[in-house]
Every structure is written in structure tokens, then in C-alpha cells.
């Protein structure tokens, strides 16, 4: 099953206000403006490669030592207190760190420099990613290990297909957790 990005909802301000109320609608629209301004700042001033349809939390930390090394794909989300690194001061290296399309980077996780996270992958909260993450998988722990494969995600890393636990054969159905 391939996922296609269909764009944001097509509601107007008045339609949203009728459904959610004035305060909630204003708060949401103001937050969207802040996120847009921050993304433009990171892309134009720091020269980071962040896709327009990605979501980077205002509290996420993106390495500014080598900002050109950050690449975030379409539909991906970087949650609060997540750290994306592109430099290793001990080894004096500046490396490209890539996050694929439709990925979810959990809260307070750390992605080390030079790591590539494949498309439709999820990094669990608090994970320390030291090696590349294969596409369509979930990683968790310190250091991050694959705990599930064969998943499918939509916008911002929301899982739609559960896949199979790591180490299970493809013939065995996924157990309900």
C-alpha cells in the first residue's frame, strides 16, 4: 500500500471557528504561523533541507554546527526535545543526517550524526539512534534497535499498518500488543 500526500484540510477560518470555537481556531492558526516562520528561518538563514510539509516542534533541537547536513523529508515529524546532530566534535567530523519521508521522531530521542532514517520509519521516544534505520520499521532503546518491521505510516509518522515484530518470520501474523 503506497501512501499519497493529499494536502491540508480545505476548511476556511469560519468553518473551523464554527466547529472548534474561536479560541481553539485562533490558537491553532497562530501555532501554524509560528511553525512556518521557524521553518523558513531554518531553511533560509541556516540552509537546512526541511520539506515544507514536514513538522518540526518548536522545542526540537536541530544542530547548527553544520546546518547544511540536516535533511528532513516530506510528511515527517520531529517531536519536542528531540535532538538531531550533524557533528562529532571528538572525531572532528561534520556528517549529513537524513530523515526520510513520513517518519516520526519521538520525544526526547537523539539522532546521532551521519545516521539515515529510512522512509516510513518511527523512532520511539527516548531512543538513541546510532546506526541507520531501515525503511518501514520502528526502533527503540539505547542504542536503538529494530523492534518491528513492515509497518506503514502516513503524515507525521502515524502508523497505519502494524507489520511484524522483529525476529518473527513473515509467515507469522503480528500479535496484538
Protein backbone atom coordinates (compact mmCIF):
# COMPACT_ATOMS: atom_id res chain seq x y z
CA UNK A 1 0.00 0.00 0.00
CA UNK A 2 1.56 3.25 -1.11
CA UNK A 3 0.66 6.46 0.66
CA UNK A 4 -0.08 9.67 -1.18
CA UNK A 5 0.04 13.06 0.49
CA UNK A 6 -3.29 14.78 -0.12
CA UNK A 7 -2.59 18.16 1.46
CA UNK A 8 -4.06 20.03 4.38
CA UNK A 9 -7.76 20.17 5.09
CA UNK A 10 -9.63 22.68 2.99
CA UNK A 11 -11.65 24.32 5.74
CA UNK A 12 -11.84 28.07 5.99
CA UNK A 13 -11.33 30.05 9.17
CA UNK A 14 -15.09 30.48 9.62
CA UNK A 15 -15.80 26.76 9.14
CA UNK A 16 -13.11 25.87 11.68
CA UNK A 17 -14.41 28.51 14.09
CA UNK A 18 -17.92 27.07 13.91
CA UNK A 19 -16.66 23.54 14.55
CA UNK A 20 -13.92 24.14 17.17
CA UNK A 21 -14.62 27.60 18.59
CA UNK A 22 -12.86 30.94 18.23
CA UNK A 23 -10.12 30.41 20.81
CA UNK A 24 -9.07 26.96 19.57
CA UNK A 25 -9.10 28.09 15.94
CA UNK A 26 -7.01 31.21 16.65
CA UNK A 27 -4.54 29.20 18.75
CA UNK A 28 -4.13 26.59 16.01
CA UNK A 29 -3.72 29.12 13.23
CA UNK A 30 -1.21 31.15 15.28
CA UNK A 31 0.78 27.99 16.03
CA UNK A 32 0.83 27.17 12.31
CA UNK A 33 2.22 30.64 11.58
CA UNK A 34 4.96 30.21 14.22
CA UNK A 35 5.92 26.83 12.76
CA UNK A 36 6.02 28.28 9.24
CA UNK A 37 8.21 31.20 10.32
CA UNK A 38 10.57 28.85 12.20
CA UNK A 39 10.85 26.52 9.19
CA UNK A 40 11.57 29.46 6.89
CA UNK A 41 14.22 30.71 9.34
CA UNK A 42 15.92 27.29 9.47
CA UNK A 43 15.77 26.86 5.68
CA UNK A 44 16.68 30.38 4.53
CA UNK A 45 19.10 31.51 7.26
CA UNK A 46 20.70 28.22 8.33
CA UNK A 47 20.34 26.48 4.91
CA UNK A 48 18.79 23.28 6.33
CA UNK A 49 16.92 20.97 3.95
CA UNK A 50 13.45 20.75 5.56
CA UNK A 51 10.49 19.82 3.36
CA UNK A 52 7.53 22.29 3.51
CA UNK A 53 5.11 19.50 4.54
CA UNK A 54 7.19 18.35 7.50
CA UNK A 55 6.55 19.28 11.11
CA UNK A 56 9.40 20.30 13.44
CA UNK A 57 8.42 21.08 17.02
CA UNK A 58 9.33 24.48 18.40
CA UNK A 59 11.23 22.65 21.18
CA UNK A 60 13.17 20.30 18.88
CA UNK A 61 16.92 20.89 18.74
CA UNK A 62 18.49 20.89 15.28
CA UNK A 63 22.30 21.05 15.19
CA UNK A 64 23.56 24.42 13.98
CA UNK A 65 27.24 23.46 13.93
CA UNK A 66 26.78 22.01 10.43
CA UNK A 67 23.22 23.02 9.49
CA UNK A 68 23.52 22.05 5.80
CA UNK A 69 23.78 18.43 6.97
CA UNK A 70 20.18 18.24 8.21
CA UNK A 71 17.71 16.75 5.72
CA UNK A 72 14.07 16.16 6.75
CA UNK A 73 11.72 14.58 4.22
CA UNK A 74 8.09 15.17 3.31
CA UNK A 75 5.45 14.43 5.92
CA UNK A 76 7.93 13.73 8.74
CA UNK A 77 7.54 14.96 12.31
CA UNK A 78 10.27 15.79 14.82
CA UNK A 79 8.67 15.96 18.27
CA UNK A 80 9.56 18.05 21.31
CA UNK A 81 13.04 17.82 22.84
CA UNK A 82 14.28 15.55 20.03
CA UNK A 83 17.90 16.27 19.08
CA UNK A 84 19.20 15.90 15.52
CA UNK A 85 23.02 16.07 15.41
CA UNK A 86 25.29 16.62 12.40
CA UNK A 87 28.69 17.00 14.03
CA UNK A 88 31.04 14.87 16.11
CA UNK A 89 33.48 17.15 17.93
CA UNK A 90 35.59 14.27 19.27
CA UNK A 91 36.30 12.97 15.76
CA UNK A 92 36.18 16.43 14.13
CA UNK A 93 33.56 15.25 11.63
CA UNK A 94 30.63 17.02 10.03
CA UNK A 95 28.18 14.48 8.58
CA UNK A 96 24.80 14.56 6.85
CA UNK A 97 21.89 13.30 8.94
CA UNK A 98 18.86 12.30 6.87
CA UNK A 99 15.28 11.67 7.93
CA UNK A 100 13.16 10.04 5.22
CA UNK A 101 9.59 10.65 4.12
CA UNK A 102 6.65 10.14 6.53
CA UNK A 103 8.83 9.42 9.57
CA UNK A 104 8.09 10.07 13.22
CA UNK A 105 10.90 11.09 15.57
CA UNK A 106 9.74 10.60 19.16
CA UNK A 107 10.05 13.00 22.06
CA UNK A 108 13.49 13.29 23.69
CA UNK A 109 15.13 10.97 21.17
CA UNK A 110 18.63 11.65 19.85
CA UNK A 111 19.71 11.03 16.25
CA UNK A 112 23.49 10.88 16.02
CA UNK A 113 25.47 12.42 13.13
CA UNK A 114 25.66 10.54 9.85
CA UNK A 115 22.55 8.45 10.50
CA UNK A 116 19.97 7.86 7.76
CA UNK A 117 16.40 7.09 8.80
CA UNK A 118 14.51 5.33 6.02
CA UNK A 119 11.07 6.23 4.68
CA UNK A 120 8.00 5.37 6.82
CA UNK A 121 10.11 4.70 9.94
CA UNK A 122 9.34 5.55 13.57
CA UNK A 123 11.91 6.38 16.24
CA UNK A 124 10.39 5.75 19.68
CA UNK A 125 10.52 8.33 22.44
CA UNK A 126 13.87 8.47 24.23
CA UNK A 127 15.71 6.35 21.65
CA UNK A 128 19.38 6.99 20.90
CA UNK A 129 19.84 6.29 17.17
CA UNK A 130 23.47 5.43 16.44
CA UNK A 131 23.05 3.39 13.22
CA UNK A 132 20.95 3.67 10.08
CA UNK A 133 17.26 2.80 10.44
CA UNK A 134 15.73 0.64 7.66
CA UNK A 135 12.57 1.81 5.90
CA UNK A 136 9.19 0.73 7.28
CA UNK A 137 10.45 -0.14 10.77
CA UNK A 138 10.25 1.00 14.38
CA UNK A 139 13.36 1.46 16.53
CA UNK A 140 13.55 1.97 20.29
CA UNK A 141 16.05 1.87 23.12
CA UNK A 142 19.61 2.91 23.85
CA UNK A 143 21.19 2.17 21.42
CA UNK A 144 18.14 1.98 19.17
CA UNK A 145 17.24 -1.49 17.92
CA UNK A 146 14.60 -2.54 15.41
CA UNK A 147 11.53 -3.78 17.30
CA UNK A 148 9.04 -4.01 14.42
CA UNK A 149 9.31 -4.21 10.62
CA UNK A 150 6.89 -3.97 7.72
CA UNK A 151 4.91 -1.02 9.10
CA UNK A 152 3.32 1.74 7.06
CA UNK A 153 2.97 5.34 8.20
CA UNK A 154 1.08 8.38 6.98
CA UNK A 155 1.62 12.05 7.69
CA UNK A 156 3.91 12.79 10.63
CA UNK A 157 4.73 9.13 11.31
CA UNK A 158 1.24 7.95 12.23
CA UNK A 159 1.19 4.16 11.89
CA UNK A 160 -1.47 2.58 9.64
CA UNK A 161 -0.13 -0.98 9.27
CA UNK A 162 1.36 -2.75 12.28
CA UNK A 163 3.82 -5.01 10.47
CA UNK A 164 5.57 -7.87 12.30
CA UNK A 165 7.75 -7.90 15.43
CA UNK A 166 11.49 -8.04 14.82
CA UNK A 167 12.78 -11.60 14.68
CA UNK A 168 9.37 -13.05 13.71
CA UNK A 169 9.05 -14.74 10.36
CA UNK A 170 7.00 -13.10 7.62
CA UNK A 171 4.53 -16.04 7.73
CA UNK A 172 3.67 -15.46 11.39
CA UNK A 173 0.89 -12.89 11.91
CA UNK A 174 1.61 -9.95 14.19
CA UNK A 175 0.40 -10.48 17.75
CA UNK A 176 -1.86 -7.88 19.32
CA UNK A 177 0.13 -5.98 21.93
